[in-house]
Amino acid sequence: MTEAQSTNQISTFNEKPLHAALKAWYARPGDRLEVKVDGFIIDIVRDGLLIEIQTTSLASLKRKLHTLADGHRIRLVYPIPREKWIIKLAEDGHSAPNRRKSPKRGKLEDVFGELVSFPRLLAHPNFALDALLIQEEEIRRHDSTRAWRRRGWVTQERRLIQVLDQRRFRTPADMGELLPPALVEPFTTSELATAIARPRRLAQRMTYCLREMGVIEAVGKQGNAILYARIVRPD
């Protein structure tokens, strides 16, 4: 067995269904899968481009992405569930599972909730981010010893139904396009939250990221709230 074959088997042994499905969706003829580059395992290598797919928290990738971006073109793929169906497996292991559609609908802006770990990486010329809006199924099983907030229901796996949309961000300016055009400046995080129809906590993370990227800046205060405005750069 070659080192590449061994690496592939080790890397895919614990691969989750959503990750495997997205890798299959991205892969093209000639791509190499699960390749070791500079000590890291990369999901897809295509003509010098490294494609890394992450379906959970991005924080764990910070060192990996920063290290690889210094010597390679790298694209991070992150899925956002636009529509989700929750499937609860029967507790007795025999009855039919319960399937319902979640009322939550993801948006591209949700990616800022994860980008707080490395917002400045978007300014690196070798880095790009692909945000995917997907339909997915989330399979849950009951475990009375865990997940007390969900009354014992834990996520067993996630499954891809369909990729609905894809948006590529290559620069901080691209991320800045997610600011609503009708947003009146200067604005507070509360006003941004209303404009994007998301919780204020996400709006706070969005302003933090865009500020770190050099897209917006603090221009004053309104009571205790910081006021932000877009940074206008010469053409």
C-alpha atoms as a PDB file:
ATOM      1  CA  MET A   1       0.000   0.000   0.000  1.00  0.00           C
ATOM      2  CA  THR A   2       1.364   3.456  -0.936  1.00  0.00           C
ATOM      3  CA  GLU A   3       1.493   6.379   1.495  1.00  0.00           C
ATOM      4  CA  ALA A   4      -1.232   8.157  -0.505  1.00  0.00           C
ATOM      5  CA  GLN A   5      -3.523   5.108  -0.323  1.00  0.00           C
ATOM      6  CA  SER A   6      -2.884   4.736   3.400  1.00  0.00           C
ATOM      7  CA  THR A   7      -3.594   8.428   3.991  1.00  0.00           C
ATOM      8  CA  ASN A   8      -6.821   8.194   1.993  1.00  0.00           C
ATOM      9  CA  GLN A   9      -8.097   5.239   4.010  1.00  0.00           C
ATOM     10  CA  ILE A  10      -7.253   6.842   7.346  1.00  0.00           C
ATOM     11  CA  SER A  11      -8.796  10.201   6.365  1.00  0.00           C
ATOM     12  CA  THR A  12     -12.088   8.806   5.074  1.00  0.00           C
ATOM     13  CA  PHE A  13     -12.639   6.163   7.759  1.00  0.00           C
ATOM     14  CA  ASN A  14     -14.495   8.602  10.044  1.00  0.00           C
ATOM     15  CA  GLU A  15     -15.782  10.882   7.294  1.00  0.00           C
ATOM     16  CA  LYS A  16     -19.310  12.147   7.876  1.00  0.00           C
ATOM     17  CA  PRO A  17     -21.994  11.850   5.150  1.00  0.00           C
ATOM     18  CA  LEU A  18     -22.357  15.612   4.569  1.00  0.00           C
ATOM     19  CA  HIS A  19     -18.617  16.087   4.141  1.00  0.00           C
ATOM     20  CA  ALA A  20     -18.368  13.101   1.780  1.00  0.00           C
ATOM     21  CA  ALA A  21     -21.321  14.331  -0.294  1.00  0.00           C
ATOM     22  CA  LEU A  22     -19.901  17.839  -0.665  1.00  0.00           C
ATOM     23  CA  LYS A  23     -16.528  16.439  -1.641  1.00  0.00           C
ATOM     24  CA  ALA A  24     -18.203  14.330  -4.330  1.00  0.00           C
ATOM     25  CA  TRP A  25     -20.186  17.387  -5.496  1.00  0.00           C
ATOM     26  CA  TYR A  26     -16.981  19.454  -5.834  1.00  0.00           C
ATOM     27  CA  ALA A  27     -14.693  16.824  -7.300  1.00  0.00           C
ATOM     28  CA  ARG A  28     -13.826  16.880 -10.993  1.00  0.00           C
ATOM     29  CA  PRO A  29     -12.053  14.332 -13.182  1.00  0.00           C
ATOM     30  CA  GLY A  30      -8.326  14.526 -12.492  1.00  0.00           C
ATOM     31  CA  ASP A  31      -8.677  15.798  -8.921  1.00  0.00           C
ATOM     32  CA  ARG A  32      -6.685  14.097  -6.192  1.00  0.00           C
ATOM     33  CA  LEU A  33      -8.516  13.410  -2.945  1.00  0.00           C
ATOM     34  CA  GLU A  34      -7.174  13.271   0.615  1.00  0.00           C
ATOM     35  CA  VAL A  35      -3.637  14.373  -0.225  1.00  0.00           C
ATOM     36  CA  LYS A  36      -0.974  15.293   2.322  1.00  0.00           C
ATOM     37  CA  VAL A  37       0.412  18.801   1.680  1.00  0.00           C
ATOM     38  CA  ASP A  38       2.987  20.349   4.029  1.00  0.00           C
ATOM     39  CA  GLY A  39       1.942  17.947   6.749  1.00  0.00           C
ATOM     40  CA  PHE A  40      -1.811  18.578   6.400  1.00  0.00           C
ATOM     41  CA  ILE A  41      -4.449  16.365   4.760  1.00  0.00           C
ATOM     42  CA  ILE A  42      -6.304  18.270   2.017  1.00  0.00           C
ATOM     43  CA  ASP A  43      -9.729  17.172   0.781  1.00  0.00           C
ATOM     44  CA  ILE A  44      -9.178  18.005  -2.909  1.00  0.00           C
ATOM     45  CA  VAL A  45      -6.077  19.059  -4.838  1.00  0.00           C
ATOM     46  CA  ARG A  46      -6.724  20.450  -8.324  1.00  0.00           C
ATOM     47  CA  ASP A  47      -3.901  21.865 -10.472  1.00  0.00           C
ATOM     48  CA  GLY A  48      -2.174  23.506  -7.522  1.00  0.00           C
ATOM     49  CA  LEU A  49      -5.429  24.608  -5.876  1.00  0.00           C
ATOM     50  CA  LEU A  50      -6.140  23.190  -2.415  1.00  0.00           C
ATOM     51  CA  ILE A  51      -9.841  22.784  -1.602  1.00  0.00           C
ATOM     52  CA  GLU A  52     -10.754  22.263   2.042  1.00  0.00           C
ATOM     53  CA  ILE A  53     -14.336  21.430   3.037  1.00  0.00           C
ATOM     54  CA  GLN A  54     -15.462  22.163   6.588  1.00  0.00           C
ATOM     55  CA  THR A  55     -18.970  21.351   7.817  1.00  0.00           C
ATOM     56  CA  THR A  56     -18.418  22.253  11.489  1.00  0.00           C
ATOM     57  CA  SER A  57     -16.670  25.066  13.349  1.00  0.00           C
ATOM     58  CA  LEU A  58     -13.987  26.899  11.378  1.00  0.00           C
ATOM     59  CA  ALA A  59     -11.941  27.765  14.472  1.00  0.00           C
ATOM     60  CA  SER A  60     -10.035  24.467  14.312  1.00  0.00           C
ATOM     61  CA  LEU A  61      -8.740  25.335  10.826  1.00  0.00           C
ATOM     62  CA  LYS A  62      -7.073  28.629  11.734  1.00  0.00           C
ATOM     63  CA  ARG A  63      -3.468  27.391  11.881  1.00  0.00           C
ATOM     64  CA  LYS A  64      -3.898  25.068   8.915  1.00  0.00           C
ATOM     65  CA  LEU A  65      -5.327  27.755   6.630  1.00  0.00           C
ATOM     66  CA  HIS A  66      -2.825  30.442   7.604  1.00  0.00           C
ATOM     67  CA  THR A  67       0.097  28.057   7.102  1.00  0.00           C
ATOM     68  CA  LEU A  68      -1.048  26.739   3.737  1.00  0.00           C
ATOM     69  CA  ALA A  69      -2.082  30.137   2.331  1.00  0.00           C
ATOM     70  CA  ASP A  70       1.497  31.349   2.557  1.00  0.00           C
ATOM     71  CA  GLY A  71       2.599  28.844  -0.070  1.00  0.00           C
ATOM     72  CA  HIS A  72      -0.501  27.614  -1.888  1.00  0.00           C
ATOM     73  CA  ARG A  73      -3.772  28.787  -3.380  1.00  0.00           C
ATOM     74  CA  ILE A  74      -6.467  27.525  -1.035  1.00  0.00           C
ATOM     75  CA  ARG A  75     -10.252  27.581  -1.151  1.00  0.00           C
ATOM     76  CA  LEU A  76     -12.360  26.960   1.938  1.00  0.00           C
ATOM     77  CA  VAL A  77     -15.833  25.506   1.411  1.00  0.00           C
ATOM     78  CA  TYR A  78     -18.435  26.094   4.117  1.00  0.00           C
ATOM     79  CA  PRO A  79     -22.085  24.938   3.843  1.00  0.00           C
ATOM     80  CA  ILE A  80     -24.978  26.887   5.346  1.00  0.00           C
ATOM     81  CA  PRO A  81     -28.334  25.069   5.670  1.00  0.00           C
ATOM     82  CA  ARG A  82     -30.854  27.208   3.833  1.00  0.00           C
ATOM     83  CA  GLU A  83     -33.460  24.505   4.507  1.00  0.00           C
ATOM     84  CA  LYS A  84     -33.182  21.694   7.029  1.00  0.00           C
ATOM     85  CA  TRP A  85     -35.258  18.642   7.808  1.00  0.00           C
ATOM     86  CA  ILE A  86     -34.796  17.151  11.278  1.00  0.00           C
ATOM     87  CA  ILE A  87     -35.196  13.392  11.544  1.00  0.00           C
ATOM     88  CA  LYS A  88     -35.524  11.924  15.029  1.00  0.00           C
ATOM     89  CA  LEU A  89     -34.828   8.215  15.207  1.00  0.00           C
ATOM     90  CA  ALA A  90     -37.268   6.250  17.333  1.00  0.00           C
ATOM     91  CA  GLU A  91     -36.101   5.755  20.897  1.00  0.00           C
ATOM     92  CA  ASP A  92     -37.183   2.113  20.832  1.00  0.00           C
ATOM     93  CA  GLY A  93     -35.110   1.469  17.700  1.00  0.00           C
ATOM     94  CA  HIS A  94     -38.079  -0.022  15.840  1.00  0.00           C
ATOM     95  CA  SER A  95     -40.760   2.602  15.236  1.00  0.00           C
ATOM     96  CA  ALA A  96     -40.711   4.929  12.231  1.00  0.00           C
ATOM     97  CA  PRO A  97     -38.569   8.058  12.614  1.00  0.00           C
ATOM     98  CA  ASN A  98     -40.175  11.471  13.001  1.00  0.00           C
ATOM     99  CA  ARG A  99     -39.376  13.951  10.210  1.00  0.00           C
ATOM    100  CA  ARG A 100     -40.125  17.668  10.343  1.00  0.00           C
ATOM    101  CA  LYS A 101     -38.880  20.796   8.618  1.00  0.00           C
ATOM    102  CA  SER A 102     -36.939  23.248  10.764  1.00  0.00           C
ATOM    103  CA  PRO A 103     -38.340  26.805  10.763  1.00  0.00           C
ATOM    104  CA  LYS A 104     -34.785  28.182  10.666  1.00  0.00           C
ATOM    105  CA  ARG A 105     -33.491  29.329   7.288  1.00  0.00           C
ATOM    106  CA  GLY A 106     -29.808  30.020   6.825  1.00  0.00           C
ATOM    107  CA  LYS A 107     -28.408  33.013   4.935  1.00  0.00           C
ATOM    108  CA  LEU A 108     -24.999  33.853   3.522  1.00  0.00           C
ATOM    109  CA  GLU A 109     -24.470  36.328   6.364  1.00  0.00           C
ATOM    110  CA  ASP A 110     -24.354  33.383   8.786  1.00  0.00           C
ATOM    111  CA  VAL A 111     -20.792  32.685   7.674  1.00  0.00           C
ATOM    112  CA  PHE A 112     -19.645  35.646   9.785  1.00  0.00           C
ATOM    113  CA  GLY A 113     -20.487  33.613  12.857  1.00  0.00           C
ATOM    114  CA  GLU A 114     -17.495  31.423  11.993  1.00  0.00           C
ATOM    115  CA  LEU A 115     -15.153  33.920  10.327  1.00  0.00           C
ATOM    116  CA  VAL A 116     -14.462  35.637  13.659  1.00  0.00           C
ATOM    117  CA  SER A 117     -11.623  33.115  14.070  1.00  0.00           C
ATOM    118  CA  PHE A 118      -9.614  34.508  11.130  1.00  0.00           C
ATOM    119  CA  PRO A 119     -11.301  37.509   9.458  1.00  0.00           C
ATOM    120  CA  ARG A 120      -8.057  38.966   8.077  1.00  0.00           C
ATOM    121  CA  LEU A 121      -7.350  35.847   6.023  1.00  0.00           C
ATOM    122  CA  LEU A 122      -9.761  37.162   3.367  1.00  0.00           C
ATOM    123  CA  ALA A 123      -7.143  39.784   2.540  1.00  0.00           C
ATOM    124  CA  HIS A 124      -4.587  37.096   1.642  1.00  0.00           C
ATOM    125  CA  PRO A 125      -4.238  36.841  -2.157  1.00  0.00           C
ATOM    126  CA  ASN A 126      -4.052  33.021  -2.003  1.00  0.00           C
ATOM    127  CA  PHE A 127      -7.265  32.553  -0.023  1.00  0.00           C
ATOM    128  CA  ALA A 128     -10.890  32.328  -1.153  1.00  0.00           C
ATOM    129  CA  LEU A 129     -14.096  31.253   0.552  1.00  0.00           C
ATOM    130  CA  ASP A 130     -16.983  29.393  -1.014  1.00  0.00           C
ATOM    131  CA  ALA A 131     -20.211  29.671   0.982  1.00  0.00           C
ATOM    132  CA  LEU A 132     -22.838  27.147  -0.056  1.00  0.00           C
ATOM    133  CA  LEU A 133     -26.545  27.369   0.666  1.00  0.00           C
ATOM    134  CA  ILE A 134     -27.815  23.816   0.944  1.00  0.00           C
ATOM    135  CA  GLN A 135     -30.775  21.635   1.789  1.00  0.00           C
ATOM    136  CA  GLU A 136     -29.882  19.035   4.376  1.00  0.00           C
ATOM    137  CA  GLU A 137     -31.236  16.395   6.694  1.00  0.00           C
ATOM    138  CA  GLU A 138     -30.073  16.315  10.309  1.00  0.00           C
ATOM    139  CA  ILE A 139     -30.362  12.883  11.895  1.00  0.00           C
ATOM    140  CA  ARG A 140     -30.834  12.902  15.658  1.00  0.00           C
ATOM    141  CA  ARG A 141     -30.857  10.022  18.145  1.00  0.00           C
ATOM    142  CA  HIS A 142     -31.843  10.008  21.777  1.00  0.00           C
ATOM    143  CA  ASP A 143     -29.151   9.716  24.433  1.00  0.00           C
ATOM    144  CA  SER A 144     -30.378  10.412  27.959  1.00  0.00           C
ATOM    145  CA  THR A 145     -26.819  10.981  29.185  1.00  0.00           C
ATOM    146  CA  ARG A 146     -26.103  13.854  26.798  1.00  0.00           C
ATOM    147  CA  ALA A 147     -27.471  17.099  25.326  1.00  0.00           C
ATOM    148  CA  TRP A 148     -29.716  18.135  28.225  1.00  0.00           C
ATOM    149  CA  ARG A 149     -30.604  21.336  26.376  1.00  0.00           C
ATOM    150  CA  ARG A 150     -32.197  19.220  23.644  1.00  0.00           C
ATOM    151  CA  ARG A 151     -33.778  16.864  26.154  1.00  0.00           C
ATOM    152  CA  GLY A 152     -31.331  14.133  25.258  1.00  0.00           C
ATOM    153  CA  TRP A 153     -31.452  14.468  21.467  1.00  0.00           C
ATOM    154  CA  VAL A 154     -28.005  14.545  19.846  1.00  0.00           C
ATOM    155  CA  THR A 155     -27.036  15.004  16.208  1.00  0.00           C
ATOM    156  CA  GLN A 156     -25.832  11.717  14.773  1.00  0.00           C
ATOM    157  CA  GLU A 157     -25.067  12.936  11.253  1.00  0.00           C
ATOM    158  CA  ARG A 158     -25.991  15.421   8.562  1.00  0.00           C
ATOM    159  CA  ARG A 159     -26.894  14.476   5.003  1.00  0.00           C
ATOM    160  CA  LEU A 160     -26.847  16.605   1.868  1.00  0.00           C
ATOM    161  CA  ILE A 161     -30.069  16.820  -0.121  1.00  0.00           C
ATOM    162  CA  GLN A 162     -29.127  19.526  -2.605  1.00  0.00           C
ATOM    163  CA  VAL A 163     -26.801  22.492  -3.145  1.00  0.00           C
ATOM    164  CA  LEU A 164     -29.042  25.480  -3.813  1.00  0.00           C
ATOM    165  CA  ASP A 165     -26.530  28.287  -4.340  1.00  0.00           C
ATOM    166  CA  GLN A 166     -22.818  29.033  -4.271  1.00  0.00           C
ATOM    167  CA  ARG A 167     -21.101  32.349  -3.555  1.00  0.00           C
ATOM    168  CA  ARG A 168     -17.346  32.854  -3.828  1.00  0.00           C
ATOM    169  CA  PHE A 169     -15.582  35.517  -1.771  1.00  0.00           C
ATOM    170  CA  ARG A 170     -12.041  36.373  -2.850  1.00  0.00           C
ATOM    171  CA  THR A 171     -11.472  39.725  -1.139  1.00  0.00           C
ATOM    172  CA  PRO A 172     -12.721  41.726   1.854  1.00  0.00           C
ATOM    173  CA  ALA A 173     -14.659  43.893  -0.605  1.00  0.00           C
ATOM    174  CA  ASP A 174     -16.579  40.799  -1.682  1.00  0.00           C
ATOM    175  CA  MET A 175     -17.595  40.216   1.935  1.00  0.00           C
ATOM    176  CA  GLY A 176     -18.605  43.864   2.196  1.00  0.00           C
ATOM    177  CA  GLU A 177     -21.220  43.247  -0.491  1.00  0.00           C
ATOM    178  CA  LEU A 178     -23.261  41.397   2.138  1.00  0.00           C
ATOM    179  CA  LEU A 179     -24.011  44.727   3.797  1.00  0.00           C
ATOM    180  CA  PRO A 180     -27.546  45.637   2.682  1.00  0.00           C
ATOM    181  CA  PRO A 181     -27.419  48.434   0.073  1.00  0.00           C
ATOM    182  CA  ALA A 182     -30.307  50.222   1.794  1.00  0.00           C
ATOM    183  CA  LEU A 183     -28.548  50.240   5.183  1.00  0.00           C
ATOM    184  CA  VAL A 184     -28.341  53.876   6.269  1.00  0.00           C
ATOM    185  CA  GLU A 185     -24.939  55.022   7.507  1.00  0.00           C
ATOM    186  CA  PRO A 186     -23.707  55.377  10.094  1.00  0.00           C
ATOM    187  CA  PHE A 187     -25.351  52.315  11.602  1.00  0.00           C
ATOM    188  CA  THR A 188     -25.329  50.373  14.861  1.00  0.00           C
ATOM    189  CA  THR A 189     -25.204  46.608  15.230  1.00  0.00           C
ATOM    190  CA  SER A 190     -28.887  46.672  16.205  1.00  0.00           C
ATOM    191  CA  GLU A 191     -29.764  48.460  12.962  1.00  0.00           C
ATOM    192  CA  LEU A 192     -27.637  46.002  10.989  1.00  0.00           C
ATOM    193  CA  ALA A 193     -29.367  43.074  12.694  1.00  0.00           C
ATOM    194  CA  THR A 194     -32.737  44.469  11.629  1.00  0.00           C
ATOM    195  CA  ALA A 195     -31.532  45.048   8.060  1.00  0.00           C
ATOM    196  CA  ILE A 196     -30.252  41.484   7.610  1.00  0.00           C
ATOM    197  CA  ALA A 197     -33.059  39.923   9.683  1.00  0.00           C
ATOM    198  CA  ARG A 198     -30.624  38.070  11.933  1.00  0.00           C
ATOM    199  CA  PRO A 199     -29.889  38.174  15.684  1.00  0.00           C
ATOM    200  CA  ARG A 200     -27.832  41.069  17.016  1.00  0.00           C
ATOM    201  CA  ARG A 201     -25.113  38.638  18.113  1.00  0.00           C
ATOM    202  CA  LEU A 202     -24.500  37.746  14.464  1.00  0.00           C
ATOM    203  CA  ALA A 203     -24.559  41.430  13.478  1.00  0.00           C
ATOM    204  CA  GLN A 204     -21.891  42.077  16.113  1.00  0.00           C
ATOM    205  CA  ARG A 205     -19.703  39.337  14.652  1.00  0.00           C
ATOM    206  CA  MET A 206     -20.336  40.658  11.163  1.00  0.00           C
ATOM    207  CA  THR A 207     -19.213  44.170  12.110  1.00  0.00           C
ATOM    208  CA  TYR A 208     -16.158  42.762  13.909  1.00  0.00           C
ATOM    209  CA  CYS A 209     -15.112  40.788  10.835  1.00  0.00           C
ATOM    210  CA  LEU A 210     -15.717  43.631   8.389  1.00  0.00           C
ATOM    211  CA  ARG A 211     -13.838  46.015  10.642  1.00  0.00           C
ATOM    212  CA  GLU A 212     -10.871  43.633  10.839  1.00  0.00           C
ATOM    213  CA  MET A 213     -11.002  43.267   7.048  1.00  0.00           C
ATOM    214  CA  GLY A 214     -10.853  47.031   6.565  1.00  0.00           C
ATOM    215  CA  VAL A 215     -14.313  47.262   5.013  1.00  0.00           C
ATOM    216  CA  ILE A 216     -15.981  49.367   7.705  1.00  0.00           C
ATOM    217  CA  GLU A 217     -14.762  51.584  10.533  1.00  0.00           C
ATOM    218  CA  ALA A 218     -16.094  53.017  13.771  1.00  0.00           C
ATOM    219  CA  VAL A 219     -17.082  56.652  13.256  1.00  0.00           C
ATOM    220  CA  GLY A 220     -18.658  57.616  16.567  1.00  0.00           C
ATOM    221  CA  LYS A 221     -21.164  56.611  19.189  1.00  0.00           C
ATOM    222  CA  GLN A 222     -24.901  56.858  19.684  1.00  0.00           C
ATOM    223  CA  GLY A 223     -25.384  56.569  23.409  1.00  0.00           C
ATOM    224  CA  ASN A 224     -23.515  53.404  24.325  1.00  0.00           C
ATOM    225  CA  ALA A 225     -23.737  51.976  20.784  1.00  0.00           C
ATOM    226  CA  ILE A 226     -20.819  52.256  18.363  1.00  0.00           C
ATOM    227  CA  LEU A 227     -21.606  53.744  14.959  1.00  0.00           C
ATOM    228  CA  TYR A 228     -20.075  52.181  11.840  1.00  0.00           C
ATOM    229  CA  ALA A 229     -19.705  53.286   8.224  1.00  0.00           C
ATOM    230  CA  ARG A 230     -18.223  51.835   5.058  1.00  0.00           C
ATOM    231  CA  ILE A 231     -14.657  52.833   4.237  1.00  0.00           C
ATOM    232  CA  VAL A 232     -14.670  54.530   0.858  1.00  0.00           C
ATOM    233  CA  ARG A 233     -11.500  53.783  -1.078  1.00  0.00           C
ATOM    234  CA  PRO A 234     -10.357  55.565  -4.257  1.00  0.00           C
ATOM    235  CA  ASP A 235     -10.811  53.639  -7.498  1.00  0.00           C
END
